[in-house]
Protein backbone atom coordinates (compact mmCIF):
# COMPACT_ATOMS: atom_id res chain seq x y z
CA MET A 1 103.92 112.07 78.69
CA SER A 2 101.63 109.97 80.88
CA VAL A 3 101.94 106.18 81.05
CA ASP A 4 99.61 103.27 81.77
CA LEU A 5 100.08 102.18 85.38
CA HIS A 6 100.04 98.61 86.55
CA HIS A 7 97.12 98.14 88.90
CA ARG A 8 95.02 95.77 90.95
CA VAL A 9 91.28 96.21 91.55
CA VAL A 10 89.56 94.57 94.52
CA GLY A 11 86.01 94.91 95.83
CA GLU A 12 82.89 96.74 94.71
CA GLY A 13 81.45 100.13 95.55
CA LYS A 14 82.67 103.69 95.12
CA PRO A 15 86.23 103.89 93.72
CA LEU A 16 89.13 104.40 96.12
CA VAL A 17 92.60 104.81 94.58
CA LEU A 18 95.70 103.87 96.63
CA LEU A 19 99.14 105.37 95.91
CA HIS A 20 102.28 103.99 97.58
CA GLY A 21 105.48 105.75 98.61
CA LEU A 22 109.06 105.89 97.33
CA PHE A 23 110.73 102.48 96.70
CA GLY A 24 107.34 100.82 97.21
CA SER A 25 104.61 99.18 95.17
CA LEU A 26 100.89 98.57 95.37
CA GLU A 27 101.60 95.67 97.73
CA ASN A 28 102.67 98.11 100.48
CA LEU A 29 99.09 99.22 100.95
CA GLY A 30 97.73 95.69 100.81
CA GLY A 31 96.50 95.94 104.40
CA VAL A 32 94.39 98.95 103.47
CA THR A 33 93.00 97.12 100.45
CA GLN A 34 92.12 94.11 102.58
CA ARG A 35 90.34 96.20 105.22
CA LEU A 36 88.40 98.58 102.95
CA SER A 37 87.48 96.49 99.91
CA ASP A 38 84.35 95.20 101.62
CA THR A 39 82.56 98.49 100.88
CA TRP A 40 84.89 100.22 98.40
CA GLN A 41 86.21 99.30 94.98
CA VAL A 42 89.92 99.64 95.72
CA HIS A 43 92.25 100.52 92.86
CA ALA A 44 95.85 99.94 93.99
CA LEU A 45 98.40 101.40 91.57
CA ASP A 46 102.13 101.01 90.96
CA LEU A 47 103.44 104.52 90.33
CA ARG A 48 105.84 105.08 87.43
CA ASN A 49 109.32 103.54 87.85
CA HIS A 50 107.95 101.34 90.64
CA GLY A 51 106.49 97.86 90.80
CA ARG A 52 105.38 96.61 87.40
CA SER A 53 104.65 100.03 85.93
CA PRO A 54 106.70 101.43 83.03
CA HIS A 55 110.20 102.84 83.45
CA VAL A 56 110.41 106.42 82.19
CA GLU A 57 112.70 109.43 82.58
CA ALA A 58 110.58 112.00 84.44
CA MET A 59 109.60 111.66 88.12
CA ASP A 60 108.00 115.03 88.92
CA TYR A 61 104.60 115.31 90.54
CA PRO A 62 102.70 116.77 87.58
CA ALA A 63 103.79 113.77 85.51
CA MET A 64 102.86 111.26 88.22
CA ALA A 65 99.50 112.94 88.78
CA ASP A 66 98.86 112.82 85.03
CA ASP A 67 99.47 109.06 85.15
CA VAL A 68 96.75 108.69 87.78
CA GLN A 69 94.37 110.90 85.81
CA ARG A 70 95.07 108.76 82.74
CA TYR A 71 94.18 105.69 84.79
CA LEU A 72 90.90 107.27 85.92
CA ASP A 73 90.06 108.13 82.31
CA LYS A 74 90.79 104.61 81.07
CA GLN A 75 88.71 103.11 83.87
CA LYS A 76 85.92 105.60 83.07
CA ILE A 77 85.99 106.90 86.64
CA GLU A 78 84.75 110.48 86.76
CA ARG A 79 85.42 111.02 90.48
CA ALA A 80 87.31 108.93 93.01
CA SER A 81 88.56 109.15 96.54
CA VAL A 82 92.35 108.92 96.72
CA LEU A 83 94.62 107.75 99.54
CA GLY A 84 98.36 108.30 99.19
CA HIS A 85 101.30 107.59 101.49
CA SER A 86 104.48 109.71 101.41
CA MET A 87 105.45 110.19 97.74
CA GLY A 88 102.03 108.78 96.86
CA GLY A 89 100.50 111.37 99.15
CA LYS A 90 102.26 114.17 97.28
CA THR A 91 101.06 112.68 94.00
CA ALA A 92 97.50 112.55 95.36
CA MET A 93 97.74 116.17 96.51
CA GLU A 94 99.07 117.27 93.11
CA LEU A 95 96.14 115.55 91.40
CA ALA A 96 93.60 117.08 93.79
CA LEU A 97 95.05 120.58 93.44
CA ALA A 98 95.34 120.41 89.64
CA HIS A 99 92.09 118.55 88.96
CA PRO A 100 89.79 119.01 91.96
CA ASP A 101 86.77 117.93 89.95
CA ARG A 102 88.17 114.38 89.77
CA ILE A 103 88.62 113.91 93.53
CA GLU A 104 85.76 113.21 95.93
CA ARG A 105 87.78 112.75 99.12
CA LEU A 106 91.50 112.88 99.80
CA ILE A 107 93.54 111.01 102.43
CA VAL A 108 97.21 111.95 102.84
CA ALA A 109 99.32 109.64 104.99
CA ASP A 110 102.28 111.18 106.84
CA ILE A 111 103.44 113.78 104.36
CA ALA A 112 102.85 117.52 103.90
CA PRO A 113 102.55 119.63 100.73
CA VAL A 114 106.05 121.03 101.15
CA ALA A 115 109.60 120.41 99.95
CA TYR A 116 111.78 118.26 102.20
CA ALA A 117 115.52 118.24 102.62
CA PRO A 118 117.11 115.18 101.00
CA HIS A 119 117.12 112.30 103.47
CA HIS A 120 117.31 109.20 101.28
CA ASP A 121 120.88 109.79 100.09
CA THR A 122 122.36 106.95 102.14
CA ILE A 123 119.70 104.51 100.95
CA ILE A 124 120.25 105.47 97.32
CA GLU A 125 124.01 105.15 97.78
CA GLY A 126 123.58 101.66 99.19
CA LEU A 127 121.20 100.52 96.45
CA THR A 128 123.22 101.95 93.57
CA GLY A 129 126.48 100.66 95.03
CA LEU A 130 125.30 97.06 95.21
CA ASP A 131 127.20 94.93 92.68
CA LEU A 132 124.34 92.86 91.26
CA SER A 133 126.76 90.54 89.46
CA ALA A 134 128.14 89.48 92.83
CA VAL A 135 124.76 88.83 94.44
CA LYS A 136 124.05 85.11 94.70
CA THR A 137 121.37 85.28 97.40
CA ARG A 138 119.22 87.93 99.04
CA GLY A 139 121.40 87.45 102.08
CA ASP A 140 124.33 88.81 100.09
CA ALA A 141 122.35 91.92 99.23
CA ASP A 142 121.14 92.35 102.80
CA LYS A 143 124.68 92.10 104.14
CA TRP A 144 125.83 94.84 101.77
CA LEU A 145 122.87 97.08 102.48
CA ALA A 146 123.33 96.75 106.26
CA GLU A 147 126.33 99.05 105.93
CA TYR A 148 123.94 101.79 104.79
CA VAL A 149 120.58 100.92 106.38
CA GLU A 150 120.64 99.89 110.02
CA ILE A 151 117.01 98.79 110.51
CA PRO A 152 116.35 95.24 109.22
CA ALA A 153 112.68 95.94 108.43
CA VAL A 154 113.66 98.86 106.20
CA ARG A 155 116.20 96.69 104.37
CA GLN A 156 113.55 94.01 103.91
CA PHE A 157 111.20 96.60 102.41
CA LEU A 158 113.87 97.93 100.04
CA LEU A 159 114.99 94.47 98.94
CA LYS A 160 111.47 93.59 97.80
CA ASN A 161 112.56 95.49 94.70
CA LEU A 162 115.34 92.95 94.05
CA VAL A 163 114.08 90.31 91.62
CA ARG A 164 115.48 87.45 89.61
CA SER A 165 116.39 88.36 86.05
CA ASP A 166 115.67 86.16 83.03
CA GLU A 167 119.33 85.16 83.05
CA GLY A 168 119.08 83.84 86.61
CA GLY A 169 120.81 86.70 88.38
CA TYR A 170 119.31 89.61 90.25
CA GLY A 171 118.09 92.97 89.04
CA TRP A 172 116.09 95.94 90.28
CA ARG A 173 112.38 96.10 89.55
CA ILE A 174 112.39 99.83 90.31
CA ASN A 175 114.01 102.25 87.88
CA LEU A 176 116.83 103.05 90.27
CA LYS A 177 118.73 105.28 87.84
CA ALA A 178 115.71 107.50 87.26
CA ILE A 179 114.92 107.68 90.98
CA GLU A 180 118.49 108.70 91.77
CA ARG A 181 118.56 111.32 89.02
CA GLU A 182 115.09 112.70 89.74
CA TYR A 183 115.30 112.59 93.53
CA PRO A 184 115.39 116.43 93.80
CA GLN A 185 112.00 116.45 92.06
CA ILE A 186 110.65 113.80 94.43
CA ALA A 187 111.75 115.85 97.44
CA LYS A 188 109.75 118.85 96.24
CA GLY A 189 106.18 119.62 97.18
CA PRO A 190 103.17 119.65 94.87
CA THR A 191 103.35 122.35 92.22
CA ALA A 192 99.66 123.01 91.47
CA GLN A 193 98.24 125.99 93.35
CA GLY A 194 94.73 124.68 94.00
CA PRO A 195 93.11 124.98 96.36
CA PHE A 196 91.30 121.71 96.78
CA ASP A 197 88.06 122.51 98.59
CA GLY A 198 86.97 118.92 99.10
CA PRO A 199 87.16 116.90 102.33
CA THR A 200 90.78 116.07 103.16
CA LEU A 201 92.25 113.95 105.94
CA PHE A 202 95.90 114.08 106.97
CA LEU A 203 97.00 111.05 108.98
CA LYS A 204 100.19 111.59 110.97
CA GLY A 205 102.44 109.09 112.70
CA GLY A 206 102.72 110.19 116.31
CA GLU A 207 106.48 109.60 116.33
CA SER A 208 107.09 110.90 112.80
CA ASP A 209 108.32 114.39 111.98
CA TYR A 210 107.12 114.50 108.38
CA ILE A 211 104.07 116.64 109.29
CA GLN A 212 105.02 119.60 111.49
CA ASP A 213 103.27 122.57 113.04
CA SER A 214 105.20 124.81 110.65
CA HIS A 215 103.29 123.20 107.74
CA ARG A 216 99.89 124.25 109.08
CA ASP A 217 99.53 127.48 107.08
CA THR A 218 100.45 125.79 103.80
CA VAL A 219 98.04 122.94 104.47
CA SER A 220 95.23 125.34 105.37
CA ARG A 221 95.81 127.43 102.26
CA LEU A 222 95.83 124.50 99.85
CA PHE A 223 93.34 122.26 101.66
CA PRO A 224 90.92 124.51 103.56
CA LYS A 225 88.74 121.59 104.66
CA ALA A 226 91.65 119.53 106.00
CA THR A 227 91.35 117.47 109.18
CA LEU A 228 94.33 116.01 111.05
CA ARG A 229 94.35 112.76 112.99
CA ILE A 230 97.41 111.40 114.80
CA LEU A 231 98.12 107.70 115.22
CA PRO A 232 100.02 107.41 118.53
CA GLY A 233 103.02 105.14 118.73
CA THR A 234 103.61 105.04 114.99
CA GLY A 235 106.30 106.38 112.68
CA HIS A 236 106.28 107.07 108.96
CA TRP A 237 104.95 103.57 108.20
CA LEU A 238 101.77 104.16 110.20
CA HIS A 239 99.58 102.19 107.79
CA ALA A 240 101.63 99.06 108.53
CA GLU A 241 102.39 99.69 112.20
CA LYS A 242 98.75 100.17 113.21
CA ALA A 243 96.86 98.83 110.24
CA ASP A 244 93.51 98.42 111.99
CA LEU A 245 93.49 101.96 113.38
CA PHE A 246 94.68 103.40 110.07
CA ALA A 247 91.87 101.63 108.21
CA LYS A 248 89.29 102.57 110.86
CA LEU A 249 90.10 106.28 110.62
CA SER A 250 90.15 106.10 106.82
CA ARG A 251 86.76 104.37 106.75
CA ARG A 252 85.19 106.91 109.11
CA PHE A 253 86.49 109.77 106.99
CA LEU A 254 85.36 108.17 103.74
CA ASP A 255 81.92 107.64 105.27
CA GLY A 256 81.69 111.37 106.08
CA GLU A 257 81.98 111.14 109.86
CA PHE A 258 84.58 113.92 110.08
CA ASP A 259 82.65 116.42 107.96
């Protein structure tokens, strides 16, 4: 069953929907919103079990795509361009493949329409193993998580999900139990067969291995009008590492320059 997603709308113009990645929220793509809302009406969404959106049991891509379609229906948006990063990119691809009539242009940031081997196990172990009753400060949580996540910036990103509870302690804003249970579904690729014949842009981090040459045939089959652009010197978080370049390429694509 689809759910109503928490959202933020900025700007005026044609609708552009932004979908964040795993453990994220609409705030993660704030730089994109800031840079594109001058000519686009940007709809930034919290996907289910993330941010301020509802906590539910299922986390498969058909369900998440249905949430986005429900949002479009409620906003009376017949067609929109969609930009998704990582898990949000898979959700965007699922929506485009299942309901191509609803998507004008598609931007997929550093993810391919394939299944990936589990690689968040250590992060999930660290998050689920944190004793929230013992956390007095964010520093306490960061110290614990450092045993599982070496990079401070990644820990900072993950701990944005740690919020004060009504009782004064800390709790998770994300539905951590559902994410842990449904992680095999999140690791899968889109299930709809498509194809999506509309303009599609894949943006790849130059130092990221999420999009590989071995994915080319699958991409071409599902997205025959796909274009690839590589952002040199960036990893999986390319939209944050080179925000200006990311937004520039997105704008050019949305304006039809790559057609």
